[in-house]
Amino acid sequence: MLFGRVVPFVRAFVSLPAGIARMGIGRFVVLTTIGSAVWVVALAFAGHALGSEWKSVRHAFEYVDYAILAVIVVGVVYAVIHRRRGRRAPRDPAVDVVE
């Protein structure tokens, strides 16, 4: 959980594995606080170091934004197609019976 808070995509979902693993709330809060603090301090130092040059760095990462957007769009399209295909299959009521 500590390192999950500093990894961009993972940080949004780090609570799920903690809940599945039944991690104690106290431990989760402590590790989340430490990981978040490290991330915030790192971003603050990076912002301070870049100063007015942040626009040039931002421009350099413009294509990364497009790549991330493409991955999101492909993921959504895949999920929609996968869900629609799942609905087409007829359900067998005998499978749903629990004995």
N, C-alpha and C. Protein backbone atom coordinates (compact mmCIF):
# COMPACT_ATOMS: atom_id res chain seq x y z
N MET A 1 0.81 -1.18 0.00
CA MET A 1 0.00 0.00 0.00
C MET A 1 0.87 1.25 0.00
N LEU A 2 2.01 1.15 0.64
CA LEU A 2 2.90 2.31 0.73
C LEU A 2 3.34 2.76 -0.65
N PHE A 3 3.78 1.84 -1.48
CA PHE A 3 4.28 2.21 -2.80
C PHE A 3 3.14 2.38 -3.81
N GLY A 4 2.01 1.80 -3.54
CA GLY A 4 0.86 1.93 -4.43
C GLY A 4 0.39 3.37 -4.55
N ARG A 5 0.63 4.18 -3.54
CA ARG A 5 0.19 5.58 -3.58
C ARG A 5 1.07 6.46 -4.45
N VAL A 6 2.24 5.98 -4.84
CA VAL A 6 3.12 6.80 -5.69
C VAL A 6 3.17 6.33 -7.14
N VAL A 7 2.44 5.28 -7.46
CA VAL A 7 2.38 4.78 -8.83
C VAL A 7 1.10 5.30 -9.47
N PRO A 8 1.23 6.11 -10.54
CA PRO A 8 0.06 6.83 -11.07
C PRO A 8 -1.23 6.05 -11.22
N PHE A 9 -1.35 5.03 -11.99
CA PHE A 9 -2.63 4.38 -12.21
C PHE A 9 -3.04 3.52 -11.02
N VAL A 10 -2.05 2.95 -10.36
CA VAL A 10 -2.30 2.05 -9.25
C VAL A 10 -2.91 2.78 -8.06
N ARG A 11 -2.52 4.02 -7.84
CA ARG A 11 -2.96 4.76 -6.66
C ARG A 11 -4.49 4.89 -6.59
N ALA A 12 -5.16 4.89 -7.73
CA ALA A 12 -6.62 5.00 -7.73
C ALA A 12 -7.29 3.72 -7.24
N PHE A 13 -6.62 2.60 -7.36
CA PHE A 13 -7.23 1.32 -7.03
C PHE A 13 -6.56 0.59 -5.87
N VAL A 14 -5.67 1.26 -5.16
CA VAL A 14 -4.89 0.59 -4.12
C VAL A 14 -5.78 0.13 -2.96
N SER A 15 -6.94 0.72 -2.80
CA SER A 15 -7.83 0.33 -1.71
C SER A 15 -8.46 -1.05 -1.95
N LEU A 16 -8.64 -1.42 -3.20
CA LEU A 16 -9.27 -2.71 -3.50
C LEU A 16 -8.48 -3.91 -2.98
N PRO A 17 -7.19 -4.03 -3.32
CA PRO A 17 -6.45 -5.18 -2.78
C PRO A 17 -6.32 -5.13 -1.27
N ALA A 18 -6.28 -3.93 -0.70
CA ALA A 18 -6.20 -3.83 0.76
C ALA A 18 -7.48 -4.39 1.39
N GLY A 19 -8.62 -4.07 0.79
CA GLY A 19 -9.88 -4.60 1.30
C GLY A 19 -10.00 -6.08 1.10
N ILE A 20 -9.58 -6.55 -0.07
CA ILE A 20 -9.66 -7.99 -0.35
C ILE A 20 -8.77 -8.77 0.60
N ALA A 21 -7.60 -8.21 0.91
CA ALA A 21 -6.67 -8.87 1.83
C ALA A 21 -7.07 -8.66 3.29
N ARG A 22 -8.15 -7.92 3.52
CA ARG A 22 -8.65 -7.64 4.87
C ARG A 22 -7.58 -6.95 5.73
N MET A 23 -6.87 -6.00 5.12
CA MET A 23 -5.88 -5.24 5.85
C MET A 23 -6.59 -4.39 6.90
N GLY A 24 -6.00 -4.30 8.07
CA GLY A 24 -6.58 -3.49 9.14
C GLY A 24 -6.64 -2.02 8.74
N ILE A 25 -7.68 -1.34 9.17
CA ILE A 25 -7.87 0.06 8.79
C ILE A 25 -6.74 0.94 9.32
N GLY A 26 -6.26 0.66 10.50
CA GLY A 26 -5.16 1.45 11.07
C GLY A 26 -3.90 1.35 10.23
N ARG A 27 -3.54 0.14 9.87
CA ARG A 27 -2.34 -0.07 9.04
C ARG A 27 -2.52 0.57 7.67
N PHE A 28 -3.72 0.43 7.09
CA PHE A 28 -4.00 1.02 5.79
C PHE A 28 -3.86 2.54 5.85
N VAL A 29 -4.42 3.17 6.87
CA VAL A 29 -4.35 4.62 7.00
C VAL A 29 -2.91 5.09 7.16
N VAL A 30 -2.13 4.39 7.97
CA VAL A 30 -0.73 4.78 8.18
C VAL A 30 0.06 4.67 6.88
N LEU A 31 -0.05 3.53 6.20
CA LEU A 31 0.70 3.34 4.95
C LEU A 31 0.23 4.30 3.86
N THR A 32 -1.07 4.55 3.78
CA THR A 32 -1.60 5.49 2.80
C THR A 32 -1.11 6.90 3.09
N THR A 33 -1.09 7.29 4.36
CA THR A 33 -0.61 8.63 4.73
C THR A 33 0.86 8.80 4.38
N ILE A 34 1.66 7.81 4.70
CA ILE A 34 3.10 7.90 4.38
C ILE A 34 3.30 7.95 2.86
N GLY A 35 2.65 7.04 2.13
CA GLY A 35 2.81 7.02 0.67
C GLY A 35 2.33 8.30 0.02
N SER A 36 1.20 8.83 0.49
CA SER A 36 0.67 10.08 -0.07
C SER A 36 1.58 11.26 0.25
N ALA A 37 2.12 11.28 1.46
CA ALA A 37 3.03 12.37 1.84
C ALA A 37 4.28 12.37 0.97
N VAL A 38 4.83 11.18 0.74
CA VAL A 38 6.02 11.08 -0.13
C VAL A 38 5.69 11.61 -1.52
N TRP A 39 4.55 11.22 -2.07
CA TRP A 39 4.14 11.64 -3.40
C TRP A 39 3.95 13.16 -3.47
N VAL A 40 3.28 13.72 -2.49
CA VAL A 40 3.03 15.17 -2.48
C VAL A 40 4.33 15.95 -2.35
N VAL A 41 5.22 15.51 -1.47
CA VAL A 41 6.50 16.20 -1.30
C VAL A 41 7.32 16.11 -2.59
N ALA A 42 7.33 14.94 -3.23
CA ALA A 42 8.07 14.79 -4.48
C ALA A 42 7.51 15.73 -5.56
N LEU A 43 6.20 15.82 -5.67
CA LEU A 43 5.61 16.73 -6.65
C LEU A 43 5.91 18.18 -6.32
N ALA A 44 5.89 18.54 -5.04
CA ALA A 44 6.19 19.91 -4.64
C ALA A 44 7.64 20.27 -4.99
N PHE A 45 8.57 19.36 -4.71
CA PHE A 45 9.96 19.62 -5.07
C PHE A 45 10.15 19.69 -6.58
N ALA A 46 9.48 18.83 -7.30
CA ALA A 46 9.58 18.87 -8.77
C ALA A 46 9.02 20.19 -9.30
N GLY A 47 7.90 20.62 -8.76
CA GLY A 47 7.32 21.91 -9.17
C GLY A 47 8.23 23.07 -8.85
N HIS A 48 8.85 23.02 -7.69
CA HIS A 48 9.77 24.10 -7.30
C HIS A 48 11.01 24.10 -8.19
N ALA A 49 11.53 22.92 -8.49
CA ALA A 49 12.73 22.82 -9.33
C ALA A 49 12.45 23.27 -10.76
N LEU A 50 11.28 22.96 -11.28
CA LEU A 50 10.94 23.33 -12.65
C LEU A 50 10.65 24.82 -12.77
N GLY A 51 10.03 25.38 -11.76
CA GLY A 51 9.71 26.81 -11.79
C GLY A 51 8.93 27.18 -13.02
N SER A 52 9.41 28.18 -13.73
CA SER A 52 8.70 28.66 -14.92
C SER A 52 8.95 27.77 -16.14
N GLU A 53 9.81 26.78 -16.03
CA GLU A 53 10.10 25.88 -17.15
C GLU A 53 9.09 24.75 -17.26
N TRP A 54 8.06 24.74 -16.43
CA TRP A 54 7.10 23.65 -16.44
C TRP A 54 6.39 23.54 -17.77
N LYS A 55 6.24 24.64 -18.49
CA LYS A 55 5.54 24.58 -19.78
C LYS A 55 6.33 23.75 -20.80
N SER A 56 7.65 23.86 -20.77
CA SER A 56 8.45 23.07 -21.71
C SER A 56 8.37 21.58 -21.38
N VAL A 57 8.35 21.25 -20.10
CA VAL A 57 8.22 19.85 -19.69
C VAL A 57 6.83 19.35 -20.06
N ARG A 58 5.84 20.16 -19.84
CA ARG A 58 4.47 19.80 -20.18
C ARG A 58 4.33 19.53 -21.67
N HIS A 59 4.96 20.36 -22.46
CA HIS A 59 4.92 20.19 -23.92
C HIS A 59 5.60 18.88 -24.33
N ALA A 60 6.67 18.52 -23.64
CA ALA A 60 7.39 17.29 -23.97
C ALA A 60 6.54 16.05 -23.70
N PHE A 61 5.63 16.13 -22.75
CA PHE A 61 4.79 14.98 -22.41
C PHE A 61 3.43 15.00 -23.08
N GLU A 62 3.24 15.88 -24.05
CA GLU A 62 1.96 16.00 -24.73
C GLU A 62 1.54 14.68 -25.39
N TYR A 63 2.47 13.98 -25.98
CA TYR A 63 2.15 12.73 -26.66
C TYR A 63 1.81 11.62 -25.67
N VAL A 64 2.32 11.71 -24.46
CA VAL A 64 1.96 10.74 -23.43
C VAL A 64 0.47 10.86 -23.13
N ASP A 65 -0.04 12.09 -23.10
CA ASP A 65 -1.47 12.31 -22.88
C ASP A 65 -2.29 11.61 -23.95
N TYR A 66 -1.86 11.71 -25.19
CA TYR A 66 -2.58 11.06 -26.28
C TYR A 66 -2.54 9.54 -26.15
N ALA A 67 -1.41 9.02 -25.74
CA ALA A 67 -1.28 7.57 -25.56
C ALA A 67 -2.20 7.08 -24.44
N ILE A 68 -2.24 7.81 -23.34
CA ILE A 68 -3.11 7.43 -22.23
C ILE A 68 -4.57 7.51 -22.65
N LEU A 69 -4.93 8.55 -23.37
CA LEU A 69 -6.29 8.68 -23.87
C LEU A 69 -6.65 7.52 -24.79
N ALA A 70 -5.73 7.12 -25.66
CA ALA A 70 -5.98 6.01 -26.57
C ALA A 70 -6.18 4.71 -25.79
N VAL A 71 -5.39 4.48 -24.76
CA VAL A 71 -5.53 3.27 -23.95
C VAL A 71 -6.90 3.26 -23.25
N ILE A 72 -7.32 4.41 -22.75
CA ILE A 72 -8.62 4.50 -22.08
C ILE A 72 -9.75 4.22 -23.06
N VAL A 73 -9.68 4.83 -24.25
CA VAL A 73 -10.72 4.63 -25.25
C VAL A 73 -10.78 3.16 -25.67
N VAL A 74 -9.64 2.55 -25.92
CA VAL A 74 -9.60 1.14 -26.31
C VAL A 74 -10.17 0.27 -25.18
N GLY A 75 -9.84 0.59 -23.95
CA GLY A 75 -10.36 -0.17 -22.81
C GLY A 75 -11.87 -0.07 -22.70
N VAL A 76 -12.40 1.13 -22.89
CA VAL A 76 -13.85 1.31 -22.81
C VAL A 76 -14.54 0.57 -23.95
N VAL A 77 -14.00 0.68 -25.16
CA VAL A 77 -14.58 -0.03 -26.31
C VAL A 77 -14.54 -1.54 -26.06
N TYR A 78 -13.44 -2.04 -25.57
CA TYR A 78 -13.32 -3.47 -25.27
C TYR A 78 -14.36 -3.89 -24.24
N ALA A 79 -14.51 -3.10 -23.18
CA ALA A 79 -15.48 -3.43 -22.13
C ALA A 79 -16.90 -3.45 -22.67
N VAL A 80 -17.24 -2.47 -23.50
CA VAL A 80 -18.59 -2.42 -24.07
C VAL A 80 -18.84 -3.62 -24.98
N ILE A 81 -17.89 -3.93 -25.84
CA ILE A 81 -18.04 -5.08 -26.74
C ILE A 81 -18.13 -6.38 -25.94
N HIS A 82 -17.26 -6.52 -24.95
CA HIS A 82 -17.25 -7.72 -24.12
C HIS A 82 -18.58 -7.87 -23.38
N ARG A 83 -19.11 -6.79 -22.88
CA ARG A 83 -20.38 -6.85 -22.15
C ARG A 83 -21.55 -7.19 -23.08
N ARG A 84 -21.55 -6.60 -24.27
CA ARG A 84 -22.64 -6.89 -25.22
C ARG A 84 -22.59 -8.34 -25.69
N ARG A 85 -21.41 -8.87 -25.92
CA ARG A 85 -21.30 -10.28 -26.33
C ARG A 85 -21.78 -11.20 -25.24
N GLY A 86 -21.54 -10.83 -24.00
CA GLY A 86 -21.99 -11.64 -22.87
C GLY A 86 -23.50 -11.67 -22.75
N ARG A 87 -24.16 -10.62 -23.14
CA ARG A 87 -25.62 -10.56 -23.07
C ARG A 87 -26.28 -11.39 -24.15
N ARG A 88 -25.63 -11.60 -25.26
CA ARG A 88 -26.21 -12.34 -26.38
C ARG A 88 -26.35 -13.82 -26.10
N ALA A 89 -25.48 -14.35 -25.28
CA ALA A 89 -25.51 -15.78 -24.99
C ALA A 89 -26.74 -16.10 -24.15
N PRO A 90 -27.53 -17.09 -24.58
CA PRO A 90 -28.71 -17.46 -23.79
C PRO A 90 -28.28 -18.07 -22.45
N ARG A 91 -29.01 -17.73 -21.42
CA ARG A 91 -28.69 -18.23 -20.09
C ARG A 91 -29.39 -19.55 -19.87
N ASP A 92 -28.70 -20.47 -19.26
CA ASP A 92 -29.26 -21.77 -18.92
C ASP A 92 -29.72 -21.71 -17.46
N PRO A 93 -31.02 -21.78 -17.21
CA PRO A 93 -31.52 -21.67 -15.83
C PRO A 93 -30.99 -22.76 -14.93
N ALA A 94 -30.63 -23.91 -15.48
CA ALA A 94 -30.13 -25.00 -14.67
C ALA A 94 -28.78 -24.66 -14.05
N VAL A 95 -28.02 -23.79 -14.70
CA VAL A 95 -26.71 -23.41 -14.19
C VAL A 95 -26.85 -22.54 -12.95
N ASP A 96 -27.93 -21.75 -12.87
CA ASP A 96 -28.12 -20.84 -11.75
C ASP A 96 -28.62 -21.53 -10.48
N VAL A 97 -29.03 -22.80 -10.58
CA VAL A 97 -29.57 -23.51 -9.42
C VAL A 97 -28.41 -23.89 -8.50
N VAL A 98 -28.56 -23.53 -7.23
CA VAL A 98 -27.54 -23.86 -6.23
C VAL A 98 -28.10 -24.97 -5.35
N GLU A 99 -27.38 -26.05 -5.24
CA GLU A 99 -27.85 -27.19 -4.42
C GLU A 99 -27.07 -27.29 -3.17
